[in-house]
PDB file of N, CA and C in Angstrom:
ATOM      1  N   MET A   1      -0.010 -38.121  34.525  1.00  0.00           N
ATOM      2  CA  MET A   1       1.225 -37.634  35.091  1.00  0.00           C
ATOM      3  C   MET A   1       0.910 -36.947  36.410  1.00  0.00           C
ATOM      4  N   PRO A   2       1.611 -37.209  37.488  1.00  0.00           N
ATOM      5  CA  PRO A   2       1.340 -36.558  38.759  1.00  0.00           C
ATOM      6  C   PRO A   2       1.513 -35.050  38.649  1.00  0.00           C
ATOM      7  N   ALA A   3       0.699 -34.322  39.407  1.00  0.00           N
ATOM      8  CA  ALA A   3       0.731 -32.857  39.340  1.00  0.00           C
ATOM      9  C   ALA A   3       2.101 -32.306  39.678  1.00  0.00           C
ATOM     10  N   SER A   4       2.834 -32.959  40.552  1.00  0.00           N
ATOM     11  CA  SER A   4       4.112 -32.423  40.980  1.00  0.00           C
ATOM     12  C   SER A   4       5.182 -32.532  39.899  1.00  0.00           C
ATOM     13  N   THR A   5       4.922 -33.300  38.831  1.00  0.00           N
ATOM     14  CA  THR A   5       5.919 -33.436  37.772  1.00  0.00           C
ATOM     15  C   THR A   5       5.510 -32.743  36.488  1.00  0.00           C
ATOM     16  N   ARG A   6       4.384 -32.044  36.504  1.00  0.00           N
ATOM     17  CA  ARG A   6       3.957 -31.328  35.306  1.00  0.00           C
ATOM     18  C   ARG A   6       4.911 -30.198  35.003  1.00  0.00           C
ATOM     19  N   SER A   7       5.129 -29.971  33.720  1.00  0.00           N
ATOM     20  CA  SER A   7       5.934 -28.819  33.328  1.00  0.00           C
ATOM     21  C   SER A   7       5.005 -27.648  33.061  1.00  0.00           C
ATOM     22  N   PRO A   8       5.520 -26.423  33.221  1.00  0.00           N
ATOM     23  CA  PRO A   8       4.668 -25.255  32.991  1.00  0.00           C
ATOM     24  C   PRO A   8       4.151 -25.220  31.564  1.00  0.00           C
ATOM     25  N   SER A   9       2.950 -24.689  31.408  1.00  0.00           N
ATOM     26  CA  SER A   9       2.325 -24.553  30.102  1.00  0.00           C
ATOM     27  C   SER A   9       2.877 -23.334  29.388  1.00  0.00           C
ATOM     28  N   PRO A  10       2.967 -23.374  28.051  1.00  0.00           N
ATOM     29  CA  PRO A  10       3.390 -22.186  27.342  1.00  0.00           C
ATOM     30  C   PRO A  10       2.379 -21.045  27.484  1.00  0.00           C
ATOM     31  N   ALA A  11       1.158 -21.353  27.881  1.00  0.00           N
ATOM     32  CA  ALA A  11       0.118 -20.331  28.024  1.00  0.00           C
ATOM     33  C   ALA A  11       0.248 -19.566  29.334  1.00  0.00           C
ATOM     34  N   GLY A  12       1.069 -20.011  30.221  1.00  0.00           N
ATOM     35  CA  GLY A  12       1.206 -19.340  31.499  1.00  0.00           C
ATOM     36  C   GLY A  12       2.065 -20.155  32.424  1.00  0.00           C
ATOM     37  N   PRO A  13       2.060 -19.797  33.688  1.00  0.00           N
ATOM     38  CA  PRO A  13       2.934 -20.476  34.629  1.00  0.00           C
ATOM     39  C   PRO A  13       2.565 -21.927  34.868  1.00  0.00           C
ATOM     40  N   GLY A  14       1.357 -22.308  34.535  1.00  0.00           N
ATOM     41  CA  GLY A  14       0.941 -23.692  34.725  1.00  0.00           C
ATOM     42  C   GLY A  14       0.565 -23.960  36.160  1.00  0.00           C
ATOM     43  N   PRO A  15      -0.027 -25.116  36.397  1.00  0.00           N
ATOM     44  CA  PRO A  15      -0.451 -25.446  37.751  1.00  0.00           C
ATOM     45  C   PRO A  15       0.760 -25.650  38.649  1.00  0.00           C
ATOM     46  N   LEU A  16       0.610 -25.229  39.883  1.00  0.00           N
ATOM     47  CA  LEU A  16       1.677 -25.434  40.840  1.00  0.00           C
ATOM     48  C   LEU A  16       1.644 -26.867  41.337  1.00  0.00           C
ATOM     49  N   PRO A  17       2.763 -27.383  41.803  1.00  0.00           N
ATOM     50  CA  PRO A  17       2.760 -28.737  42.356  1.00  0.00           C
ATOM     51  C   PRO A  17       1.785 -28.829  43.523  1.00  0.00           C
ATOM     52  N   THR A  18       1.151 -29.968  43.664  1.00  0.00           N
ATOM     53  CA  THR A  18       0.217 -30.168  44.766  1.00  0.00           C
ATOM     54  C   THR A  18       0.864 -31.071  45.803  1.00  0.00           C
ATOM     55  N   ALA A  19       0.243 -31.101  46.949  1.00  0.00           N
ATOM     56  CA  ALA A  19       0.735 -31.930  48.042  1.00  0.00           C
ATOM     57  C   ALA A  19       0.580 -33.405  47.686  1.00  0.00           C
ATOM     58  N   PRO A  20       1.321 -34.265  48.359  1.00  0.00           N
ATOM     59  CA  PRO A  20       1.147 -35.703  48.126  1.00  0.00           C
ATOM     60  C   PRO A  20      -0.321 -36.087  48.293  1.00  0.00           C
ATOM     61  N   GLY A  21      -0.793 -36.921  47.426  1.00  0.00           N
ATOM     62  CA  GLY A  21      -2.196 -37.312  47.441  1.00  0.00           C
ATOM     63  C   GLY A  21      -2.993 -36.573  46.386  1.00  0.00           C
ATOM     64  N   GLY A  22      -2.481 -35.453  45.888  1.00  0.00           N
ATOM     65  CA  GLY A  22      -3.067 -34.751  44.768  1.00  0.00           C
ATOM     66  C   GLY A  22      -4.269 -33.873  45.050  1.00  0.00           C
ATOM     67  N   TRP A  23      -4.737 -33.766  46.288  1.00  0.00           N
ATOM     68  CA  TRP A  23      -5.915 -32.950  46.534  1.00  0.00           C
ATOM     69  C   TRP A  23      -5.510 -31.533  46.915  1.00  0.00           C
ATOM     70  N   THR A  24      -6.450 -30.602  46.716  1.00  0.00           N
ATOM     71  CA  THR A  24      -6.236 -29.210  47.102  1.00  0.00           C
ATOM     72  C   THR A  24      -7.444 -28.744  47.903  1.00  0.00           C
ATOM     73  N   PHE A  25      -7.322 -27.608  48.566  1.00  0.00           N
ATOM     74  CA  PHE A  25      -8.421 -27.096  49.382  1.00  0.00           C
ATOM     75  C   PHE A  25      -9.518 -26.453  48.550  1.00  0.00           C
ATOM     76  N   LEU A  26      -9.181 -25.906  47.401  1.00  0.00           N
ATOM     77  CA  LEU A  26     -10.170 -25.221  46.573  1.00  0.00           C
ATOM     78  C   LEU A  26     -10.623 -26.112  45.433  1.00  0.00           C
ATOM     79  N   THR A  27     -11.829 -25.873  44.943  1.00  0.00           N
ATOM     80  CA  THR A  27     -12.395 -26.687  43.874  1.00  0.00           C
ATOM     81  C   THR A  27     -11.891 -26.233  42.505  1.00  0.00           C
ATOM     82  N   ASN A  28     -12.123 -27.060  41.514  1.00  0.00           N
ATOM     83  CA  ASN A  28     -11.800 -26.679  40.142  1.00  0.00           C
ATOM     84  C   ASN A  28     -12.609 -25.462  39.709  1.00  0.00           C
ATOM     85  N   HIS A  29     -13.835 -25.335  40.192  1.00  0.00           N
ATOM     86  CA  HIS A  29     -14.652 -24.165  39.884  1.00  0.00           C
ATOM     87  C   HIS A  29     -13.958 -22.892  40.391  1.00  0.00           C
ATOM     88  N   THR A  30     -13.417 -22.963  41.596  1.00  0.00           N
ATOM     89  CA  THR A  30     -12.696 -21.817  42.147  1.00  0.00           C
ATOM     90  C   THR A  30     -11.446 -21.527  41.336  1.00  0.00           C
ATOM     91  N   HIS A  31     -10.722 -22.554  40.954  1.00  0.00           N
ATOM     92  CA  HIS A  31      -9.508 -22.356  40.158  1.00  0.00           C
ATOM     93  C   HIS A  31      -9.836 -21.662  38.837  1.00  0.00           C
ATOM     94  N   VAL A  32     -10.916 -22.071  38.185  1.00  0.00           N
ATOM     95  CA  VAL A  32     -11.331 -21.446  36.924  1.00  0.00           C
ATOM     96  C   VAL A  32     -11.699 -19.985  37.169  1.00  0.00           C
ATOM     97  N   LEU A  33     -12.441 -19.716  38.242  1.00  0.00           N
ATOM     98  CA  LEU A  33     -12.810 -18.337  38.559  1.00  0.00           C
ATOM     99  C   LEU A  33     -11.582 -17.462  38.811  1.00  0.00           C
ATOM    100  N   VAL A  34     -10.607 -17.979  39.522  1.00  0.00           N
ATOM    101  CA  VAL A  34      -9.381 -17.211  39.797  1.00  0.00           C
ATOM    102  C   VAL A  34      -8.684 -16.855  38.492  1.00  0.00           C
ATOM    103  N   CYS A  35      -8.590 -17.813  37.582  1.00  0.00           N
ATOM    104  CA  CYS A  35      -7.958 -17.543  36.281  1.00  0.00           C
ATOM    105  C   CYS A  35      -8.706 -16.454  35.522  1.00  0.00           C
ATOM    106  N   LEU A  36     -10.031 -16.539  35.486  1.00  0.00           N
ATOM    107  CA  LEU A  36     -10.821 -15.563  34.738  1.00  0.00           C
ATOM    108  C   LEU A  36     -10.874 -14.208  35.448  1.00  0.00           C
ATOM    109  N   ALA A  37     -10.737 -14.195  36.758  1.00  0.00           N
ATOM    110  CA  ALA A  37     -10.652 -12.926  37.481  1.00  0.00           C
ATOM    111  C   ALA A  37      -9.334 -12.235  37.157  1.00  0.00           C
ATOM    112  N   ASP A  38      -8.273 -13.012  37.039  1.00  0.00           N
ATOM    113  CA  ASP A  38      -6.960 -12.455  36.710  1.00  0.00           C
ATOM    114  C   ASP A  38      -6.898 -11.946  35.271  1.00  0.00           C
ATOM    115  N   ASP A  39      -7.588 -12.652  34.355  1.00  0.00           N
ATOM    116  CA  ASP A  39      -7.565 -12.272  32.936  1.00  0.00           C
ATOM    117  C   ASP A  39      -8.914 -12.624  32.310  1.00  0.00           C
ATOM    118  N   PRO A  40      -9.867 -11.671  32.299  1.00  0.00           N
ATOM    119  CA  PRO A  40     -11.223 -11.945  31.801  1.00  0.00           C
ATOM    120  C   PRO A  40     -11.291 -12.336  30.324  1.00  0.00           C
ATOM    121  N   GLY A  41     -10.255 -12.090  29.556  1.00  0.00           N
ATOM    122  CA  GLY A  41     -10.246 -12.446  28.145  1.00  0.00           C
ATOM    123  C   GLY A  41      -9.483 -13.722  27.854  1.00  0.00           C
ATOM    124  N   LEU A  42      -9.092 -14.443  28.889  1.00  0.00           N
ATOM    125  CA  LEU A  42      -8.306 -15.665  28.726  1.00  0.00           C
ATOM    126  C   LEU A  42      -9.106 -16.732  27.979  1.00  0.00           C
ATOM    127  N   ARG A  43      -8.456 -17.400  27.032  1.00  0.00           N
ATOM    128  CA  ARG A  43      -9.123 -18.498  26.318  1.00  0.00           C
ATOM    129  C   ARG A  43      -9.285 -19.686  27.261  1.00  0.00           C
ATOM    130  N   LEU A  44     -10.382 -20.415  27.085  1.00  0.00           N
ATOM    131  CA  LEU A  44     -10.625 -21.567  27.956  1.00  0.00           C
ATOM    132  C   LEU A  44      -9.538 -22.619  27.800  1.00  0.00           C
ATOM    133  N   ARG A  45      -8.938 -22.703  26.645  1.00  0.00           N
ATOM    134  CA  ARG A  45      -7.809 -23.609  26.424  1.00  0.00           C
ATOM    135  C   ARG A  45      -6.664 -23.261  27.384  1.00  0.00           C
ATOM    136  N   ASP A  46      -6.434 -21.958  27.569  1.00  0.00           N
ATOM    137  CA  ASP A  46      -5.365 -21.508  28.458  1.00  0.00           C
ATOM    138  C   ASP A  46      -5.744 -21.691  29.927  1.00  0.00           C
ATOM    139  N   VAL A  47      -7.014 -21.483  30.243  1.00  0.00           N
ATOM    140  CA  VAL A  47      -7.492 -21.759  31.601  1.00  0.00           C
ATOM    141  C   VAL A  47      -7.261 -23.236  31.917  1.00  0.00           C
ATOM    142  N   ALA A  48      -7.620 -24.098  30.993  1.00  0.00           N
ATOM    143  CA  ALA A  48      -7.463 -25.543  31.195  1.00  0.00           C
ATOM    144  C   ALA A  48      -6.008 -25.899  31.478  1.00  0.00           C
ATOM    145  N   ALA A  49      -5.088 -25.305  30.726  1.00  0.00           N
ATOM    146  CA  ALA A  49      -3.663 -25.586  30.920  1.00  0.00           C
ATOM    147  C   ALA A  49      -3.197 -25.122  32.298  1.00  0.00           C
ATOM    148  N   ARG A  50      -3.669 -23.972  32.746  1.00  0.00           N
ATOM    149  CA  ARG A  50      -3.250 -23.444  34.049  1.00  0.00           C
ATOM    150  C   ARG A  50      -3.816 -24.242  35.216  1.00  0.00           C
ATOM    151  N   VAL A  51      -5.067 -24.682  35.051  1.00  0.00           N
ATOM    152  CA  VAL A  51      -5.746 -25.390  36.133  1.00  0.00           C
ATOM    153  C   VAL A  51      -5.370 -26.875  36.148  1.00  0.00           C
ATOM    154  N   GLY A  52      -4.982 -27.394  34.992  1.00  0.00           N
ATOM    155  CA  GLY A  52      -4.631 -28.808  34.907  1.00  0.00           C
ATOM    156  C   GLY A  52      -5.826 -29.686  34.584  1.00  0.00           C
ATOM    157  N   LEU A  53      -6.771 -29.142  33.814  1.00  0.00           N
ATOM    158  CA  LEU A  53      -7.962 -29.880  33.392  1.00  0.00           C
ATOM    159  C   LEU A  53      -8.013 -29.927  31.876  1.00  0.00           C
ATOM    160  N   THR A  54      -8.948 -30.704  31.346  1.00  0.00           N
ATOM    161  CA  THR A  54      -9.171 -30.688  29.905  1.00  0.00           C
ATOM    162  C   THR A  54      -9.970 -29.437  29.546  1.00  0.00           C
ATOM    163  N   GLU A  55      -9.877 -29.043  28.298  1.00  0.00           N
ATOM    164  CA  GLU A  55     -10.648 -27.885  27.839  1.00  0.00           C
ATOM    165  C   GLU A  55     -12.139 -28.163  27.986  1.00  0.00           C
ATOM    166  N   ARG A  56     -12.548 -29.382  27.715  1.00  0.00           N
ATOM    167  CA  ARG A  56     -13.959 -29.759  27.831  1.00  0.00           C
ATOM    168  C   ARG A  56     -14.443 -29.625  29.274  1.00  0.00           C
ATOM    169  N   ALA A  57     -13.623 -30.020  30.236  1.00  0.00           N
ATOM    170  CA  ALA A  57     -13.999 -29.888  31.647  1.00  0.00           C
ATOM    171  C   ALA A  57     -14.154 -28.418  32.020  1.00  0.00           C
ATOM    172  N   VAL A  58     -13.276 -27.563  31.522  1.00  0.00           N
ATOM    173  CA  VAL A  58     -13.371 -26.130  31.805  1.00  0.00           C
ATOM    174  C   VAL A  58     -14.621 -25.552  31.146  1.00  0.00           C
ATOM    175  N   GLN A  59     -14.958 -25.991  29.946  1.00  0.00           N
ATOM    176  CA  GLN A  59     -16.184 -25.535  29.285  1.00  0.00           C
ATOM    177  C   GLN A  59     -17.403 -25.885  30.138  1.00  0.00           C
ATOM    178  N   ARG A  60     -17.409 -27.097  30.695  1.00  0.00           N
ATOM    179  CA  ARG A  60     -18.524 -27.535  31.548  1.00  0.00           C
ATOM    180  C   ARG A  60     -18.599 -26.672  32.808  1.00  0.00           C
ATOM    181  N   ILE A  61     -17.461 -26.401  33.420  1.00  0.00           N
ATOM    182  CA  ILE A  61     -17.424 -25.578  34.625  1.00  0.00           C
ATOM    183  C   ILE A  61     -17.929 -24.167  34.326  1.00  0.00           C
ATOM    184  N   VAL A  62     -17.472 -23.583  33.222  1.00  0.00           N
ATOM    185  CA  VAL A  62     -17.918 -22.239  32.846  1.00  0.00           C
ATOM    186  C   VAL A  62     -19.428 -22.236  32.611  1.00  0.00           C
ATOM    187  N   ALA A  63     -19.958 -23.255  31.958  1.00  0.00           N
ATOM    188  CA  ALA A  63     -21.404 -23.345  31.735  1.00  0.00           C
ATOM    189  C   ALA A  63     -22.146 -23.428  33.069  1.00  0.00           C
ATOM    190  N   GLU A  64     -21.630 -24.185  34.021  1.00  0.00           N
ATOM    191  CA  GLU A  64     -22.256 -24.289  35.340  1.00  0.00           C
ATOM    192  C   GLU A  64     -22.198 -22.959  36.088  1.00  0.00           C
ATOM    193  N   LEU A  65     -21.063 -22.266  35.981  1.00  0.00           N
ATOM    194  CA  LEU A  65     -20.930 -20.966  36.638  1.00  0.00           C
ATOM    195  C   LEU A  65     -21.876 -19.942  36.013  1.00  0.00           C
ATOM    196  N   GLU A  66     -22.047 -20.020  34.694  1.00  0.00           N
ATOM    197  CA  GLU A  66     -23.005 -19.137  34.022  1.00  0.00           C
ATOM    198  C   GLU A  66     -24.430 -19.448  34.477  1.00  0.00           C
ATOM    199  N   ALA A  67     -24.779 -20.724  34.510  1.00  0.00           N
ATOM    200  CA  ALA A  67     -26.123 -21.140  34.924  1.00  0.00           C
ATOM    201  C   ALA A  67     -26.403 -20.725  36.371  1.00  0.00           C
ATOM    202  N   GLY A  68     -25.370 -20.693  37.200  1.00  0.00           N
ATOM    203  CA  GLY A  68     -25.516 -20.290  38.596  1.00  0.00           C
ATOM    204  C   GLY A  68     -25.474 -18.789  38.815  1.00  0.00           C
ATOM    205  N   GLY A  69     -25.331 -18.019  37.736  1.00  0.00           N
ATOM    206  CA  GLY A  69     -25.323 -16.571  37.842  1.00  0.00           C
ATOM    207  C   GLY A  69     -24.016 -15.982  38.340  1.00  0.00           C
ATOM    208  N   VAL A  70     -22.973 -16.785  38.400  1.00  0.00           N
ATOM    209  CA  VAL A  70     -21.677 -16.341  38.908  1.00  0.00           C
ATOM    210  C   VAL A  70     -20.859 -15.660  37.820  1.00  0.00           C
ATOM    211  N   LEU A  71     -21.096 -16.042  36.582  1.00  0.00           N
ATOM    212  CA  LEU A  71     -20.258 -15.609  35.468  1.00  0.00           C
ATOM    213  C   LEU A  71     -21.149 -15.227  34.300  1.00  0.00           C
ATOM    214  N   THR A  72     -20.778 -14.171  33.586  1.00  0.00           N
ATOM    215  CA  THR A  72     -21.438 -13.855  32.325  1.00  0.00           C
ATOM    216  C   THR A  72     -20.379 -13.803  31.239  1.00  0.00           C
ATOM    217  N   ARG A  73     -20.799 -14.180  30.048  1.00  0.00           N
ATOM    218  CA  ARG A  73     -19.888 -14.235  28.900  1.00  0.00           C
ATOM    219  C   ARG A  73     -20.368 -13.233  27.855  1.00  0.00           C
ATOM    220  N   GLU A  74     -19.424 -12.491  27.313  1.00  0.00           N
ATOM    221  CA  GLU A  74     -19.733 -11.519  26.271  1.00  0.00           C
ATOM    222  C   GLU A  74     -18.744 -11.713  25.128  1.00  0.00           C
ATOM    223  N   ARG A  75     -19.263 -11.694  23.919  1.00  0.00           N
ATOM    224  CA  ARG A  75     -18.407 -11.812  22.735  1.00  0.00           C
ATOM    225  C   ARG A  75     -17.612 -10.531  22.563  1.00  0.00           C
ATOM    226  N   ASP A  76     -16.318 -10.656  22.302  1.00  0.00           N
ATOM    227  CA  ASP A  76     -15.427  -9.528  22.046  1.00  0.00           C
ATOM    228  C   ASP A  76     -14.633  -9.884  20.790  1.00  0.00           C
ATOM    229  N   GLY A  77     -15.219  -9.593  19.619  1.00  0.00           N
ATOM    230  CA  GLY A  77     -14.596 -10.020  18.361  1.00  0.00           C
ATOM    231  C   GLY A  77     -14.706 -11.525  18.237  1.00  0.00           C
ATOM    232  N   ARG A  78     -13.576 -12.174  18.084  1.00  0.00           N
ATOM    233  CA  ARG A  78     -13.548 -13.639  17.973  1.00  0.00           C
ATOM    234  C   ARG A  78     -13.363 -14.325  19.310  1.00  0.00           C
ATOM    235  N   ARG A  79     -13.239 -13.553  20.367  1.00  0.00           N
ATOM    236  CA  ARG A  79     -12.969 -14.110  21.693  1.00  0.00           C
ATOM    237  C   ARG A  79     -14.159 -13.857  22.620  1.00  0.00           C
ATOM    238  N   ASN A  80     -14.120 -14.492  23.747  1.00  0.00           N
ATOM    239  CA  ASN A  80     -15.096 -14.250  24.808  1.00  0.00           C
ATOM    240  C   ASN A  80     -14.431 -13.441  25.903  1.00  0.00           C
ATOM    241  N   ARG A  81     -15.227 -12.639  26.574  1.00  0.00           N
ATOM    242  CA  ARG A  81     -14.761 -11.889  27.736  1.00  0.00           C
ATOM    243  C   ARG A  81     -15.716 -12.250  28.869  1.00  0.00           C
ATOM    244  N   TYR A  82     -15.164 -12.555  30.028  1.00  0.00           N
ATOM    245  CA  TYR A  82     -15.959 -13.041  31.147  1.00  0.00           C
ATOM    246  C   TYR A  82     -16.029 -11.993  32.249  1.00  0.00           C
ATOM    247  N   THR A  83     -17.220 -11.853  32.822  1.00  0.00           N
ATOM    248  CA  THR A  83     -17.430 -10.956  33.949  1.00  0.00           C
ATOM    249  C   THR A  83     -17.919 -11.791  35.120  1.00  0.00           C
ATOM    250  N   ILE A  84     -17.285 -11.612  36.239  1.00  0.00           N
ATOM    251  CA  ILE A  84     -17.669 -12.345  37.449  1.00  0.00           C
ATOM    252  C   ILE A  84     -18.616 -11.483  38.263  1.00  0.00           C
ATOM    253  N   GLU A  85     -19.726 -12.075  38.654  1.00  0.00           N
ATOM    254  CA  GLU A  85     -20.732 -11.397  39.473  1.00  0.00           C
ATOM    255  C   GLU A  85     -20.346 -11.610  40.941  1.00  0.00           C
ATOM    256  N   GLY A  86     -19.627 -10.648  41.487  1.00  0.00           N
ATOM    257  CA  GLY A  86     -19.027 -10.791  42.812  1.00  0.00           C
ATOM    258  C   GLY A  86     -19.985 -10.858  43.971  1.00  0.00           C
ATOM    259  N   ARG A  87     -21.227 -10.414  43.793  1.00  0.00           N
ATOM    260  CA  ARG A  87     -22.167 -10.391  44.913  1.00  0.00           C
ATOM    261  C   ARG A  87     -22.933 -11.698  45.114  1.00  0.00           C
ATOM    262  N   VAL A  88     -22.677 -12.666  44.262  1.00  0.00           N
ATOM    263  CA  VAL A  88     -23.355 -13.956  44.397  1.00  0.00           C
ATOM    264  C   VAL A  88     -22.796 -14.682  45.618  1.00  0.00           C
ATOM    265  N   PRO A  89     -23.679 -15.133  46.535  1.00  0.00           N
ATOM    266  CA  PRO A  89     -23.176 -15.850  47.719  1.00  0.00           C
ATOM    267  C   PRO A  89     -22.615 -17.221  47.335  1.00  0.00           C
ATOM    268  N   LEU A  90     -21.653 -17.674  48.109  1.00  0.00           N
ATOM    269  CA  LEU A  90     -21.138 -19.025  47.910  1.00  0.00           C
ATOM    270  C   LEU A  90     -22.260 -20.015  48.185  1.00  0.00           C
ATOM    271  N   ARG A  91     -22.142 -21.205  47.604  1.00  0.00           N
ATOM    272  CA  ARG A  91     -23.278 -22.123  47.558  1.00  0.00           C
ATOM    273  C   ARG A  91     -23.438 -23.027  48.771  1.00  0.00           C
ATOM    274  N   HIS A  92     -22.380 -23.374  49.433  1.00  0.00           N
ATOM    275  CA  HIS A  92     -22.468 -24.310  50.559  1.00  0.00           C
ATOM    276  C   HIS A  92     -22.990 -23.585  51.803  1.00  0.00           C
ATOM    277  N   PRO A  93     -23.859 -24.225  52.590  1.00  0.00           N
ATOM    278  CA  PRO A  93     -24.399 -23.565  53.783  1.00  0.00           C
ATOM    279  C   PRO A  93     -23.326 -23.030  54.746  1.00  0.00           C
ATOM    280  N   LEU A  94     -22.197 -23.679  54.832  1.00  0.00           N
ATOM    281  CA  LEU A  94     -21.136 -23.203  55.719  1.00  0.00           C
ATOM    282  C   LEU A  94     -20.445 -21.948  55.186  1.00  0.00           C
ATOM    283  N   GLU A  95     -20.663 -21.631  53.907  1.00  0.00           N
ATOM    284  CA  GLU A  95     -19.948 -20.522  53.268  1.00  0.00           C
ATOM    285  C   GLU A  95     -20.880 -19.419  52.777  1.00  0.00           C
ATOM    286  N   GLN A  96     -22.181 -19.577  52.938  1.00  0.00           N
ATOM    287  CA  GLN A  96     -23.139 -18.626  52.364  1.00  0.00           C
ATOM    288  C   GLN A  96     -23.032 -17.219  52.925  1.00  0.00           C
ATOM    289  N   HIS A  97     -22.353 -17.055  54.029  1.00  0.00           N
ATOM    290  CA  HIS A  97     -22.168 -15.715  54.585  1.00  0.00           C
ATOM    291  C   HIS A  97     -21.152 -14.906  53.770  1.00  0.00           C
ATOM    292  N   CYS A  98     -20.449 -15.572  52.866  1.00  0.00           N
ATOM    293  CA  CYS A  98     -19.416 -14.949  52.045  1.00  0.00           C
ATOM    294  C   CYS A  98     -19.870 -14.938  50.591  1.00  0.00           C
ATOM    295  N   ASP A  99     -19.474 -13.910  49.846  1.00  0.00           N
ATOM    296  CA  ASP A  99     -19.826 -13.888  48.432  1.00  0.00           C
ATOM    297  C   ASP A  99     -18.594 -14.175  47.560  1.00  0.00           C
ATOM    298  N   VAL A 100     -18.856 -14.382  46.282  1.00  0.00           N
ATOM    299  CA  VAL A 100     -17.805 -14.749  45.330  1.00  0.00           C
ATOM    300  C   VAL A 100     -16.706 -13.686  45.278  1.00  0.00           C
ATOM    301  N   GLY A 101     -17.091 -12.421  45.267  1.00  0.00           N
ATOM    302  CA  GLY A 101     -16.112 -11.346  45.195  1.00  0.00           C
ATOM    303  C   GLY A 101     -15.185 -11.318  46.400  1.00  0.00           C
ATOM    304  N   THR A 102     -15.743 -11.532  47.589  1.00  0.00           N
ATOM    305  CA  THR A 102     -14.929 -11.562  48.803  1.00  0.00           C
ATOM    306  C   THR A 102     -13.949 -12.726  48.764  1.00  0.00           C
ATOM    307  N   MET A 103     -14.443 -13.891  48.343  1.00  0.00           N
ATOM    308  CA  MET A 103     -13.576 -15.063  48.251  1.00  0.00           C
ATOM    309  C   MET A 103     -12.435 -14.816  47.268  1.00  0.00           C
ATOM    310  N   LEU A 104     -12.758 -14.283  46.086  1.00  0.00           N
ATOM    311  CA  LEU A 104     -11.714 -14.024  45.094  1.00  0.00           C
ATOM    312  C   LEU A 104     -10.730 -12.977  45.594  1.00  0.00           C
ATOM    313  N   GLY A 105     -11.219 -11.964  46.282  1.00  0.00           N
ATOM    314  CA  GLY A 105     -10.326 -10.957  46.838  1.00  0.00           C
ATOM    315  C   GLY A 105      -9.370 -11.557  47.843  1.00  0.00           C
ATOM    316  N   TRP A 106      -9.874 -12.438  48.675  1.00  0.00           N
ATOM    317  CA  TRP A 106      -9.041 -13.094  49.677  1.00  0.00           C
ATOM    318  C   TRP A 106      -7.947 -13.919  49.007  1.00  0.00           C
ATOM    319  N   ILE A 107      -8.310 -14.668  47.994  1.00  0.00           N
ATOM    320  CA  ILE A 107      -7.341 -15.531  47.305  1.00  0.00           C
ATOM    321  C   ILE A 107      -6.337 -14.700  46.500  1.00  0.00           C
ATOM    322  N   ARG A 108      -6.824 -13.745  45.726  1.00  0.00           N
ATOM    323  CA  ARG A 108      -5.965 -12.992  44.805  1.00  0.00           C
ATOM    324  C   ARG A 108      -5.074 -11.982  45.507  1.00  0.00           C
ATOM    325  N   ASN A 109      -5.475 -11.469  46.655  1.00  0.00           N
ATOM    326  CA  ASN A 109      -4.684 -10.458  47.347  1.00  0.00           C
ATOM    327  C   ASN A 109      -3.573 -11.033  48.206  1.00  0.00           C
ATOM    328  N   ARG A 110      -3.472 -12.325  48.282  1.00  0.00           N
ATOM    329  CA  ARG A 110      -2.466 -12.936  49.141  1.00  0.00           C
ATOM    330  C   ARG A 110      -1.445 -13.755  48.365  1.00  0.00           C
ATOM    331  N   ARG A 111      -1.311 -13.466  47.112  1.00  0.00           N
ATOM    332  CA  ARG A 111      -0.321 -14.190  46.313  1.00  0.00           C
ATOM    333  C   ARG A 111       1.021 -13.537  46.427  1.00  0.00           C
TER     334      ARG A 111
END
């Protein structure tokens, strides 16, 4: 189903419509980080619904972010709680002057 015709998820507002062609400027990794920055106790099922990915894809992204030192996971009862390591530099050479925390602040403070 095209992103522009998706209905909101019961878990949250759901993904916003995208421009024709379906691409966005930010990666799925960034979208997952934004969701977890907004709600560190969010279930990955709910992250998947908001980002518009499968739960399995979000699990893979979270594992990659953990392996890269960007994210840590802590058990909180039956749920996980995620902490973002804001001082980790972005990975691409054009962006390495910026860290994860600065990027998230820029995105989250302008909504």
